[in-house]
Amino acid sequence: MSTRTPSLTYAVGTLAIGAVLVFPGHRAALADDSNDSSLQPNLKSWSKTIPTAKRFVVLADFNSQAVLDRETGMVWEQSPASTTLTWSTARSNCADKVVGGRKGWRLPSFAELATLVDPTVTPGPILPTGHPFTNVQSTYYWSTTTGAEFPVGAWAVTFDFATTGSVEPVGKTAFLPAWCVRGPMNADEY
């Protein structure tokens, strides 16, 4: 006779199914290194530092057009477009984008975008040495983050070494490039 209550069994089963549904791409992308816990993204917090050579993986399943960041679990465009757009156009551009034959892209929050900044690198773009990205400009990139303190603007992150990855509010009608991402939505998403 089982001593488990039906509600506890249901709760545990629901949590397990939820984890598979929320992070299915990460499980598959990490299957080759499932025994190497240092290479798996820390999905509970971003407290681990992974060396660049092991941190970024160009994804063959995305026709090598996307990069998994194992430190954060985010999947980034390998080569963001240099076209400059207004904020609302950048958001819809990411939502409509197909990269590596996949949809589901979005504009990142400023916190997500800032995880790619390495302020010790000069000259720009200030990305970790040995990164696999191409076409990244030494300029500001849109984030989806807005705030009550600047209602007509959104936060942008710069990859210019002179400003060491600063985050600045920019008017939504300005023209900046967008670097699209896939992954769980950040709390700053609107």
N, C-alpha and C. Protein backbone atom coordinates (compact mmCIF):
# COMPACT_ATOMS: atom_id res chain seq x y z
N MET A 1 0.84 -1.17 0.00
CA MET A 1 0.00 0.00 0.00
C MET A 1 0.89 1.24 0.00
N SER A 2 0.60 2.17 -0.90
CA SER A 2 1.40 3.38 -1.04
C SER A 2 1.01 4.39 0.03
N THR A 3 2.04 5.06 0.58
CA THR A 3 1.78 6.09 1.58
C THR A 3 1.78 7.48 0.96
N ARG A 4 2.07 7.60 -0.36
CA ARG A 4 2.07 8.90 -1.02
C ARG A 4 0.64 9.37 -1.23
N THR A 5 0.44 10.66 -1.06
CA THR A 5 -0.88 11.22 -1.31
C THR A 5 -1.00 11.54 -2.79
N PRO A 6 -2.20 11.43 -3.33
CA PRO A 6 -2.40 11.72 -4.76
C PRO A 6 -1.98 13.14 -5.13
N SER A 7 -2.20 14.12 -4.25
CA SER A 7 -1.85 15.50 -4.59
C SER A 7 -0.33 15.68 -4.69
N LEU A 8 0.44 15.00 -3.85
CA LEU A 8 1.89 15.08 -3.92
C LEU A 8 2.40 14.43 -5.20
N THR A 9 1.88 13.28 -5.54
CA THR A 9 2.27 12.61 -6.77
C THR A 9 1.93 13.48 -7.97
N TYR A 10 0.76 14.08 -7.98
CA TYR A 10 0.34 14.96 -9.06
C TYR A 10 1.28 16.17 -9.17
N ALA A 11 1.63 16.79 -8.04
CA ALA A 11 2.50 17.97 -8.03
C ALA A 11 3.88 17.64 -8.58
N VAL A 12 4.47 16.55 -8.15
CA VAL A 12 5.79 16.16 -8.63
C VAL A 12 5.76 15.86 -10.12
N GLY A 13 4.75 15.15 -10.57
CA GLY A 13 4.60 14.84 -12.00
C GLY A 13 4.42 16.10 -12.82
N THR A 14 3.63 17.04 -12.32
CA THR A 14 3.40 18.30 -13.03
C THR A 14 4.69 19.09 -13.14
N LEU A 15 5.48 19.14 -12.07
CA LEU A 15 6.76 19.85 -12.11
C LEU A 15 7.70 19.23 -13.14
N ALA A 16 7.76 17.92 -13.19
CA ALA A 16 8.64 17.24 -14.14
C ALA A 16 8.21 17.53 -15.58
N ILE A 17 6.93 17.48 -15.84
CA ILE A 17 6.43 17.77 -17.19
C ILE A 17 6.68 19.23 -17.53
N GLY A 18 6.46 20.13 -16.59
CA GLY A 18 6.71 21.56 -16.81
C GLY A 18 8.16 21.84 -17.16
N ALA A 19 9.10 21.18 -16.50
CA ALA A 19 10.52 21.38 -16.79
C ALA A 19 10.86 20.95 -18.20
N VAL A 20 10.27 19.86 -18.65
CA VAL A 20 10.52 19.38 -20.01
C VAL A 20 9.92 20.35 -21.03
N LEU A 21 8.73 20.88 -20.74
CA LEU A 21 8.08 21.79 -21.68
C LEU A 21 8.76 23.14 -21.74
N VAL A 22 9.27 23.65 -20.61
CA VAL A 22 9.89 24.96 -20.58
C VAL A 22 11.27 24.95 -21.22
N PHE A 23 12.05 23.91 -21.02
CA PHE A 23 13.43 23.90 -21.49
C PHE A 23 13.73 22.76 -22.46
N PRO A 24 12.85 22.43 -23.41
CA PRO A 24 13.10 21.28 -24.28
C PRO A 24 14.32 21.47 -25.17
N GLY A 25 14.54 22.65 -25.72
CA GLY A 25 15.67 22.88 -26.62
C GLY A 25 16.99 22.77 -25.90
N HIS A 26 17.02 23.21 -24.66
CA HIS A 26 18.27 23.17 -23.90
C HIS A 26 18.67 21.73 -23.62
N ARG A 27 17.68 20.89 -23.30
CA ARG A 27 17.99 19.49 -23.03
C ARG A 27 18.61 18.83 -24.26
N ALA A 28 18.00 19.06 -25.43
CA ALA A 28 18.50 18.45 -26.65
C ALA A 28 19.86 19.03 -27.04
N ALA A 29 20.03 20.33 -26.89
CA ALA A 29 21.30 20.96 -27.27
C ALA A 29 22.44 20.51 -26.37
N LEU A 30 22.11 20.12 -25.15
CA LEU A 30 23.15 19.74 -24.21
C LEU A 30 23.33 18.23 -24.10
N ALA A 31 22.59 17.48 -24.89
CA ALA A 31 22.62 16.02 -24.78
C ALA A 31 24.02 15.45 -24.96
N ASP A 32 24.82 16.04 -25.84
CA ASP A 32 26.16 15.53 -26.09
C ASP A 32 27.07 15.66 -24.86
N ASP A 33 26.79 16.62 -24.00
CA ASP A 33 27.63 16.88 -22.84
C ASP A 33 26.85 16.68 -21.54
N SER A 34 25.87 15.79 -21.55
CA SER A 34 24.99 15.65 -20.39
C SER A 34 25.73 15.21 -19.13
N ASN A 35 26.89 14.62 -19.27
CA ASN A 35 27.65 14.20 -18.09
C ASN A 35 28.61 15.27 -17.61
N ASP A 36 28.75 16.37 -18.34
CA ASP A 36 29.67 17.44 -17.96
C ASP A 36 28.87 18.61 -17.42
N SER A 37 28.64 18.64 -16.11
CA SER A 37 27.79 19.65 -15.50
C SER A 37 28.37 21.05 -15.65
N SER A 38 29.69 21.20 -15.87
CA SER A 38 30.28 22.53 -16.03
C SER A 38 29.87 23.16 -17.35
N LEU A 39 29.37 22.36 -18.30
CA LEU A 39 28.99 22.89 -19.60
C LEU A 39 27.51 23.18 -19.71
N GLN A 40 26.71 22.74 -18.77
CA GLN A 40 25.27 22.96 -18.83
C GLN A 40 24.94 24.34 -18.27
N PRO A 41 23.92 25.00 -18.86
CA PRO A 41 23.55 26.32 -18.33
C PRO A 41 23.01 26.19 -16.93
N ASN A 42 23.34 27.16 -16.12
CA ASN A 42 22.83 27.21 -14.77
C ASN A 42 21.48 27.90 -14.84
N LEU A 43 20.40 27.14 -14.97
CA LEU A 43 19.08 27.71 -15.19
C LEU A 43 18.47 28.32 -13.94
N LYS A 44 19.02 28.05 -12.78
CA LYS A 44 18.49 28.62 -11.54
C LYS A 44 19.09 30.00 -11.28
N SER A 45 20.34 30.21 -11.68
CA SER A 45 20.99 31.51 -11.52
C SER A 45 22.14 31.60 -12.51
N TRP A 46 22.63 32.77 -12.68
CA TRP A 46 23.73 32.98 -13.62
C TRP A 46 25.04 33.11 -12.87
N SER A 47 25.26 32.27 -11.88
CA SER A 47 26.42 32.41 -11.01
C SER A 47 27.67 31.70 -11.52
N LYS A 48 27.56 30.87 -12.56
CA LYS A 48 28.73 30.17 -13.06
C LYS A 48 29.41 30.95 -14.17
N THR A 49 30.74 30.87 -14.20
CA THR A 49 31.51 31.44 -15.30
C THR A 49 32.10 30.28 -16.07
N ILE A 50 31.78 30.22 -17.37
CA ILE A 50 32.28 29.15 -18.22
C ILE A 50 33.29 29.75 -19.18
N PRO A 51 34.46 29.14 -19.34
CA PRO A 51 35.46 29.68 -20.29
C PRO A 51 34.85 29.80 -21.69
N THR A 52 35.23 30.86 -22.41
CA THR A 52 34.64 31.14 -23.73
C THR A 52 34.69 29.95 -24.66
N ALA A 53 35.79 29.20 -24.66
CA ALA A 53 35.92 28.06 -25.57
C ALA A 53 34.84 27.01 -25.34
N LYS A 54 34.32 26.92 -24.11
CA LYS A 54 33.26 25.95 -23.80
C LYS A 54 31.90 26.62 -23.62
N ARG A 55 31.91 27.95 -23.47
CA ARG A 55 30.67 28.67 -23.21
C ARG A 55 29.75 28.73 -24.42
N PHE A 56 30.29 29.03 -25.60
CA PHE A 56 29.48 29.24 -26.79
C PHE A 56 29.56 28.05 -27.74
N VAL A 57 28.39 27.61 -28.23
CA VAL A 57 28.32 26.49 -29.16
C VAL A 57 27.50 26.90 -30.37
N VAL A 58 28.12 26.85 -31.55
CA VAL A 58 27.39 27.11 -32.79
C VAL A 58 26.52 25.88 -33.03
N LEU A 59 25.23 26.10 -33.22
CA LEU A 59 24.26 25.01 -33.30
C LEU A 59 24.05 24.52 -34.73
N ALA A 60 24.52 23.32 -35.00
CA ALA A 60 24.36 22.70 -36.33
C ALA A 60 22.88 22.52 -36.67
N ASP A 61 22.03 22.24 -35.66
CA ASP A 61 20.59 22.06 -35.88
C ASP A 61 19.93 23.34 -36.39
N PHE A 62 20.59 24.46 -36.25
CA PHE A 62 20.09 25.75 -36.72
C PHE A 62 20.89 26.20 -37.95
N ASN A 63 21.42 25.25 -38.72
CA ASN A 63 22.23 25.54 -39.90
C ASN A 63 23.43 26.43 -39.56
N SER A 64 23.95 26.29 -38.35
CA SER A 64 25.09 27.07 -37.85
C SER A 64 24.81 28.58 -37.88
N GLN A 65 23.54 28.96 -37.75
CA GLN A 65 23.15 30.37 -37.76
C GLN A 65 22.76 30.86 -36.37
N ALA A 66 22.90 30.00 -35.36
CA ALA A 66 22.56 30.38 -33.99
C ALA A 66 23.61 29.82 -33.04
N VAL A 67 23.73 30.47 -31.88
CA VAL A 67 24.75 30.11 -30.90
C VAL A 67 24.10 29.93 -29.53
N LEU A 68 24.35 28.78 -28.91
CA LEU A 68 23.91 28.53 -27.54
C LEU A 68 24.95 29.10 -26.59
N ASP A 69 24.50 29.91 -25.65
CA ASP A 69 25.36 30.41 -24.58
C ASP A 69 25.11 29.50 -23.38
N ARG A 70 26.03 28.62 -23.10
CA ARG A 70 25.85 27.64 -22.02
C ARG A 70 25.87 28.29 -20.65
N GLU A 71 26.39 29.49 -20.54
CA GLU A 71 26.40 30.17 -19.25
C GLU A 71 25.00 30.64 -18.86
N THR A 72 24.20 31.04 -19.85
CA THR A 72 22.87 31.58 -19.55
C THR A 72 21.73 30.71 -20.06
N GLY A 73 22.01 29.79 -20.99
CA GLY A 73 20.97 28.98 -21.59
C GLY A 73 20.26 29.66 -22.74
N MET A 74 20.68 30.87 -23.11
CA MET A 74 20.05 31.62 -24.20
C MET A 74 20.63 31.17 -25.54
N VAL A 75 19.82 31.26 -26.60
CA VAL A 75 20.27 30.98 -27.97
C VAL A 75 20.21 32.30 -28.73
N TRP A 76 21.36 32.73 -29.27
CA TRP A 76 21.50 34.01 -29.96
C TRP A 76 21.69 33.82 -31.45
N GLU A 77 21.31 34.84 -32.21
CA GLU A 77 21.66 34.86 -33.63
C GLU A 77 23.18 34.84 -33.72
N GLN A 78 23.73 34.04 -34.61
CA GLN A 78 25.18 34.00 -34.78
C GLN A 78 25.68 35.28 -35.44
N SER A 79 24.88 35.84 -36.33
CA SER A 79 25.26 37.05 -37.06
C SER A 79 24.08 38.02 -37.09
N PRO A 80 24.00 38.91 -36.09
CA PRO A 80 22.87 39.85 -36.07
C PRO A 80 22.95 40.82 -37.26
N ALA A 81 21.81 41.20 -37.78
CA ALA A 81 21.76 42.15 -38.90
C ALA A 81 22.26 43.51 -38.44
N SER A 82 22.94 44.22 -39.32
CA SER A 82 23.44 45.55 -38.97
C SER A 82 22.42 46.64 -39.32
N THR A 83 21.30 46.26 -39.90
CA THR A 83 20.23 47.20 -40.22
C THR A 83 19.75 47.88 -38.94
N THR A 84 19.56 49.20 -38.99
CA THR A 84 19.06 49.91 -37.82
C THR A 84 17.55 50.11 -37.96
N LEU A 85 16.87 49.97 -36.83
CA LEU A 85 15.41 50.00 -36.79
C LEU A 85 14.94 50.81 -35.59
N THR A 86 13.70 51.28 -35.64
CA THR A 86 13.10 51.87 -34.44
C THR A 86 12.82 50.72 -33.46
N TRP A 87 12.51 51.05 -32.22
CA TRP A 87 12.30 50.03 -31.19
C TRP A 87 11.13 49.11 -31.54
N SER A 88 9.99 49.69 -31.93
CA SER A 88 8.83 48.84 -32.22
C SER A 88 9.08 47.97 -33.44
N THR A 89 9.79 48.50 -34.44
CA THR A 89 10.12 47.70 -35.62
C THR A 89 11.10 46.59 -35.25
N ALA A 90 12.04 46.89 -34.36
CA ALA A 90 13.01 45.87 -33.92
C ALA A 90 12.29 44.72 -33.21
N ARG A 91 11.32 45.05 -32.36
CA ARG A 91 10.54 44.00 -31.67
C ARG A 91 9.80 43.12 -32.66
N SER A 92 9.11 43.73 -33.61
CA SER A 92 8.35 42.93 -34.57
C SER A 92 9.28 42.19 -35.53
N ASN A 93 10.43 42.78 -35.84
CA ASN A 93 11.41 42.11 -36.69
C ASN A 93 11.87 40.81 -36.04
N CYS A 94 12.19 40.86 -34.75
CA CYS A 94 12.62 39.64 -34.05
C CYS A 94 11.48 38.62 -33.99
N ALA A 95 10.26 39.08 -33.73
CA ALA A 95 9.11 38.18 -33.63
C ALA A 95 8.84 37.47 -34.95
N ASP A 96 9.12 38.13 -36.07
CA ASP A 96 8.87 37.56 -37.39
C ASP A 96 10.08 36.80 -37.95
N LYS A 97 11.21 36.90 -37.32
CA LYS A 97 12.46 36.39 -37.86
C LYS A 97 12.49 34.86 -37.92
N VAL A 98 13.16 34.37 -38.97
CA VAL A 98 13.46 32.94 -39.10
C VAL A 98 14.98 32.84 -39.18
N VAL A 99 15.58 32.16 -38.22
CA VAL A 99 17.03 31.95 -38.18
C VAL A 99 17.27 30.45 -38.09
N GLY A 100 18.08 29.94 -38.98
CA GLY A 100 18.36 28.50 -38.97
C GLY A 100 17.12 27.66 -39.15
N GLY A 101 16.13 28.21 -39.87
CA GLY A 101 14.89 27.48 -40.10
C GLY A 101 13.94 27.47 -38.92
N ARG A 102 14.21 28.31 -37.91
CA ARG A 102 13.38 28.33 -36.69
C ARG A 102 12.81 29.70 -36.42
N LYS A 103 11.58 29.71 -35.92
CA LYS A 103 10.95 30.94 -35.44
C LYS A 103 11.04 30.94 -33.92
N GLY A 104 10.38 31.88 -33.28
CA GLY A 104 10.39 31.95 -31.82
C GLY A 104 11.44 32.91 -31.28
N TRP A 105 11.88 33.85 -32.10
CA TRP A 105 12.90 34.83 -31.68
C TRP A 105 12.21 36.03 -31.05
N ARG A 106 12.96 36.74 -30.24
CA ARG A 106 12.43 37.94 -29.58
C ARG A 106 13.58 38.90 -29.29
N LEU A 107 13.24 40.12 -28.98
CA LEU A 107 14.21 41.11 -28.55
C LEU A 107 14.59 40.79 -27.09
N PRO A 108 15.86 40.78 -26.74
CA PRO A 108 16.25 40.43 -25.37
C PRO A 108 16.03 41.60 -24.40
N SER A 109 15.97 41.29 -23.12
CA SER A 109 15.97 42.33 -22.09
C SER A 109 17.38 42.92 -22.02
N PHE A 110 17.53 44.07 -21.36
CA PHE A 110 18.88 44.64 -21.26
C PHE A 110 19.79 43.74 -20.42
N ALA A 111 19.25 43.06 -19.42
CA ALA A 111 20.07 42.17 -18.59
C ALA A 111 20.59 40.99 -19.40
N GLU A 112 19.73 40.43 -20.27
CA GLU A 112 20.15 39.31 -21.11
C GLU A 112 21.22 39.75 -22.11
N LEU A 113 21.01 40.88 -22.76
CA LEU A 113 21.95 41.39 -23.74
C LEU A 113 23.29 41.72 -23.09
N ALA A 114 23.26 42.27 -21.89
CA ALA A 114 24.49 42.65 -21.19
C ALA A 114 25.34 41.43 -20.81
N THR A 115 24.76 40.23 -20.77
CA THR A 115 25.56 39.04 -20.43
C THR A 115 26.60 38.74 -21.51
N LEU A 116 26.43 39.28 -22.70
CA LEU A 116 27.39 39.06 -23.78
C LEU A 116 28.56 40.05 -23.74
N VAL A 117 28.44 41.10 -22.94
CA VAL A 117 29.47 42.13 -22.86
C VAL A 117 30.66 41.66 -22.03
N ASP A 118 31.86 41.86 -22.56
CA ASP A 118 33.10 41.65 -21.80
C ASP A 118 33.83 42.98 -21.77
N PRO A 119 33.68 43.77 -20.68
CA PRO A 119 34.25 45.12 -20.63
C PRO A 119 35.78 45.15 -20.60
N THR A 120 36.43 44.00 -20.50
CA THR A 120 37.90 43.98 -20.50
C THR A 120 38.48 43.94 -21.91
N VAL A 121 37.62 43.75 -22.93
CA VAL A 121 38.08 43.63 -24.31
C VAL A 121 38.14 45.00 -24.97
N THR A 122 39.27 45.29 -25.64
CA THR A 122 39.39 46.50 -26.46
C THR A 122 40.13 46.14 -27.72
N PRO A 123 39.90 46.71 -28.86
CA PRO A 123 38.77 47.59 -29.13
C PRO A 123 37.50 46.79 -29.28
N GLY A 124 36.40 47.49 -29.53
CA GLY A 124 35.10 46.85 -29.66
C GLY A 124 34.97 46.06 -30.94
N PRO A 125 33.95 45.26 -31.11
CA PRO A 125 32.87 45.10 -30.14
C PRO A 125 33.35 44.31 -28.92
N ILE A 126 32.85 44.67 -27.77
CA ILE A 126 33.36 44.10 -26.53
C ILE A 126 32.63 42.81 -26.17
N LEU A 127 33.03 41.76 -26.86
CA LEU A 127 32.52 40.41 -26.63
C LEU A 127 33.67 39.56 -26.10
N PRO A 128 33.38 38.47 -25.40
CA PRO A 128 34.45 37.61 -24.88
C PRO A 128 35.40 37.17 -26.00
N THR A 129 36.69 37.21 -25.74
CA THR A 129 37.69 36.78 -26.70
C THR A 129 37.43 35.35 -27.12
N GLY A 130 37.45 35.10 -28.44
CA GLY A 130 37.20 33.77 -28.96
C GLY A 130 35.74 33.46 -29.21
N HIS A 131 34.86 34.46 -29.09
CA HIS A 131 33.42 34.25 -29.33
C HIS A 131 33.17 33.85 -30.79
N PRO A 132 32.06 33.18 -31.09
CA PRO A 132 31.78 32.73 -32.46
C PRO A 132 30.88 33.68 -33.27
N PHE A 133 30.57 34.86 -32.73
CA PHE A 133 29.64 35.76 -33.40
C PHE A 133 30.31 36.54 -34.53
N THR A 134 29.54 36.89 -35.55
CA THR A 134 30.03 37.73 -36.64
C THR A 134 29.07 38.89 -36.83
N ASN A 135 29.57 39.95 -37.44
CA ASN A 135 28.77 41.11 -37.81
C ASN A 135 28.26 41.92 -36.60
N VAL A 136 28.84 41.74 -35.42
CA VAL A 136 28.43 42.52 -34.25
C VAL A 136 29.11 43.89 -34.35
N GLN A 137 28.32 44.94 -34.25
CA GLN A 137 28.81 46.31 -34.40
C GLN A 137 29.21 46.90 -33.05
N SER A 138 30.14 47.85 -33.06
CA SER A 138 30.54 48.57 -31.84
C SER A 138 29.57 49.73 -31.63
N THR A 139 28.34 49.39 -31.29
CA THR A 139 27.29 50.39 -31.14
C THR A 139 26.27 49.90 -30.12
N TYR A 140 25.23 50.68 -29.92
CA TYR A 140 24.12 50.28 -29.06
C TYR A 140 23.20 49.32 -29.79
N TYR A 141 22.62 48.36 -29.04
CA TYR A 141 21.62 47.42 -29.54
C TYR A 141 20.37 47.58 -28.69
N TRP A 142 19.22 47.49 -29.32
CA TRP A 142 17.95 47.59 -28.62
C TRP A 142 17.77 46.44 -27.63
N SER A 143 17.12 46.75 -26.52
CA SER A 143 16.58 45.72 -25.63
C SER A 143 15.08 45.95 -25.57
N THR A 144 14.35 45.00 -25.05
CA THR A 144 12.91 45.15 -24.92
C THR A 144 12.52 45.89 -23.65
N THR A 145 13.50 46.15 -22.78
CA THR A 145 13.24 46.74 -21.47
C THR A 145 12.86 48.21 -21.55
N THR A 146 11.72 48.53 -20.95
CA THR A 146 11.27 49.91 -20.84
C THR A 146 11.05 50.19 -19.36
N GLY A 147 10.73 51.42 -19.04
CA GLY A 147 10.48 51.74 -17.64
C GLY A 147 9.69 53.02 -17.49
N ALA A 148 9.08 53.18 -16.34
CA ALA A 148 8.27 54.36 -16.06
C ALA A 148 9.12 55.63 -16.03
N GLU A 149 10.41 55.49 -15.73
CA GLU A 149 11.29 56.66 -15.63
C GLU A 149 11.57 57.30 -16.99
N PHE A 150 11.32 56.56 -18.07
CA PHE A 150 11.56 57.08 -19.43
C PHE A 150 10.53 56.44 -20.35
N PRO A 151 9.26 56.86 -20.26
CA PRO A 151 8.18 56.16 -20.97
C PRO A 151 8.27 56.21 -22.50
N VAL A 152 8.99 57.16 -23.07
CA VAL A 152 9.10 57.23 -24.53
C VAL A 152 10.35 56.52 -25.03
N GLY A 153 11.03 55.81 -24.13
CA GLY A 153 12.28 55.15 -24.51
C GLY A 153 12.37 53.72 -24.05
N ALA A 154 13.45 53.10 -24.46
CA ALA A 154 13.78 51.74 -24.04
C ALA A 154 15.28 51.71 -23.74
N TRP A 155 15.70 50.72 -22.99
CA TRP A 155 17.10 50.60 -22.63
C TRP A 155 17.87 49.92 -23.76
N ALA A 156 19.06 50.42 -24.02
CA ALA A 156 19.93 49.85 -25.05
C ALA A 156 21.28 49.55 -24.42
N VAL A 157 21.95 48.53 -24.94
CA VAL A 157 23.26 48.11 -24.43
C VAL A 157 24.29 48.35 -25.54
N THR A 158 25.41 48.96 -25.17
CA THR A 158 26.44 49.24 -26.16
C THR A 158 27.53 48.17 -26.14
N PHE A 159 28.06 47.88 -27.31
CA PHE A 159 29.19 46.96 -27.45
C PHE A 159 30.43 47.74 -27.89
N ASP A 160 30.48 49.02 -27.53
CA ASP A 160 31.61 49.91 -27.82
C ASP A 160 32.53 49.93 -26.61
N PHE A 161 33.82 49.62 -26.82
CA PHE A 161 34.75 49.52 -25.69
C PHE A 161 34.90 50.83 -24.94
N ALA A 162 34.67 51.97 -25.59
CA ALA A 162 34.85 53.27 -24.92
C ALA A 162 33.84 53.46 -23.80
N THR A 163 32.71 52.80 -23.87
CA THR A 163 31.69 52.95 -22.83
C THR A 163 31.52 51.66 -22.02
N THR A 164 32.38 50.70 -22.23
CA THR A 164 32.43 49.43 -21.50
C THR A 164 31.07 48.78 -21.25
N GLY A 165 30.28 48.71 -22.30
CA GLY A 165 29.02 47.97 -22.19
C GLY A 165 27.96 48.67 -21.40
N SER A 166 27.93 50.00 -21.46
CA SER A 166 26.93 50.71 -20.66
C SER A 166 25.52 50.47 -21.18
N VAL A 167 24.58 50.69 -20.29
CA VAL A 167 23.15 50.56 -20.59
C VAL A 167 22.57 51.97 -20.50
N GLU A 168 21.91 52.40 -21.57
CA GLU A 168 21.40 53.76 -21.63
C GLU A 168 19.96 53.77 -22.12
N PRO A 169 19.15 54.72 -21.64
CA PRO A 169 17.81 54.87 -22.21
C PRO A 169 17.92 55.60 -23.55
N VAL A 170 17.20 55.12 -24.54
CA VAL A 170 17.21 55.70 -25.88
C VAL A 170 15.76 55.89 -26.31
N GLY A 171 15.47 57.00 -26.96
CA GLY A 171 14.12 57.24 -27.47
C GLY A 171 13.71 56.15 -28.45
N LYS A 172 12.48 55.68 -28.36
CA LYS A 172 12.02 54.54 -29.17
C LYS A 172 11.98 54.84 -30.67
N THR A 173 12.10 56.12 -31.05
CA THR A 173 12.10 56.45 -32.47
C THR A 173 13.51 56.51 -33.04
N ALA A 174 14.52 56.31 -32.21
CA ALA A 174 15.92 56.26 -32.69
C ALA A 174 16.10 54.99 -33.53
N PHE A 175 17.16 54.95 -34.29
CA PHE A 175 17.46 53.80 -35.14
C PHE A 175 18.69 53.07 -34.61
N LEU A 176 18.49 51.84 -34.14
CA LEU A 176 19.56 50.99 -33.61
C LEU A 176 19.39 49.59 -34.17
N PRO A 177 20.46 48.78 -34.20
CA PRO A 177 20.30 47.38 -34.61
C PRO A 177 19.68 46.55 -33.48
N ALA A 178 19.18 45.39 -33.86
CA ALA A 178 18.59 44.45 -32.90
C ALA A 178 19.34 43.13 -32.98
N TRP A 179 19.57 42.49 -31.84
CA TRP A 179 20.21 41.18 -31.78
C TRP A 179 19.20 40.24 -31.14
N CYS A 180 18.58 39.39 -31.95
CA CYS A 180 17.47 38.56 -31.47
C CYS A 180 17.96 37.33 -30.71
N VAL A 181 17.10 36.83 -29.83
CA VAL A 181 17.43 35.73 -28.93
C VAL A 181 16.24 34.78 -28.83
N ARG A 182 16.51 33.55 -28.45
CA ARG A 182 15.47 32.56 -28.12
C ARG A 182 15.74 32.08 -26.71
N GLY A 183 14.70 31.76 -25.99
CA GLY A 183 14.85 31.24 -24.64
C GLY A 183 13.70 31.70 -23.77
N PRO A 184 13.69 31.25 -22.53
CA PRO A 184 12.61 31.65 -21.61
C PRO A 184 12.53 33.16 -21.50
N MET A 185 11.34 33.67 -21.36
CA MET A 185 11.13 35.11 -21.26
C MET A 185 11.69 35.64 -19.97
N ASN A 186 12.36 36.78 -20.04
CA ASN A 186 12.88 37.46 -18.88
C ASN A 186 11.75 38.27 -18.24
N ALA A 187 11.87 38.56 -16.97
CA ALA A 187 10.84 39.33 -16.25
C ALA A 187 10.64 40.71 -16.84
N ASP A 188 11.65 41.25 -17.55
CA ASP A 188 11.55 42.58 -18.13
C ASP A 188 10.82 42.61 -19.46
N GLU A 189 10.34 41.46 -19.93
CA GLU A 189 9.65 41.41 -21.21
C GLU A 189 8.28 42.09 -21.10
N TYR A 190 7.91 42.83 -22.09
CA TYR A 190 6.60 43.47 -22.13
C TYR A 190 5.86 42.98 -23.33
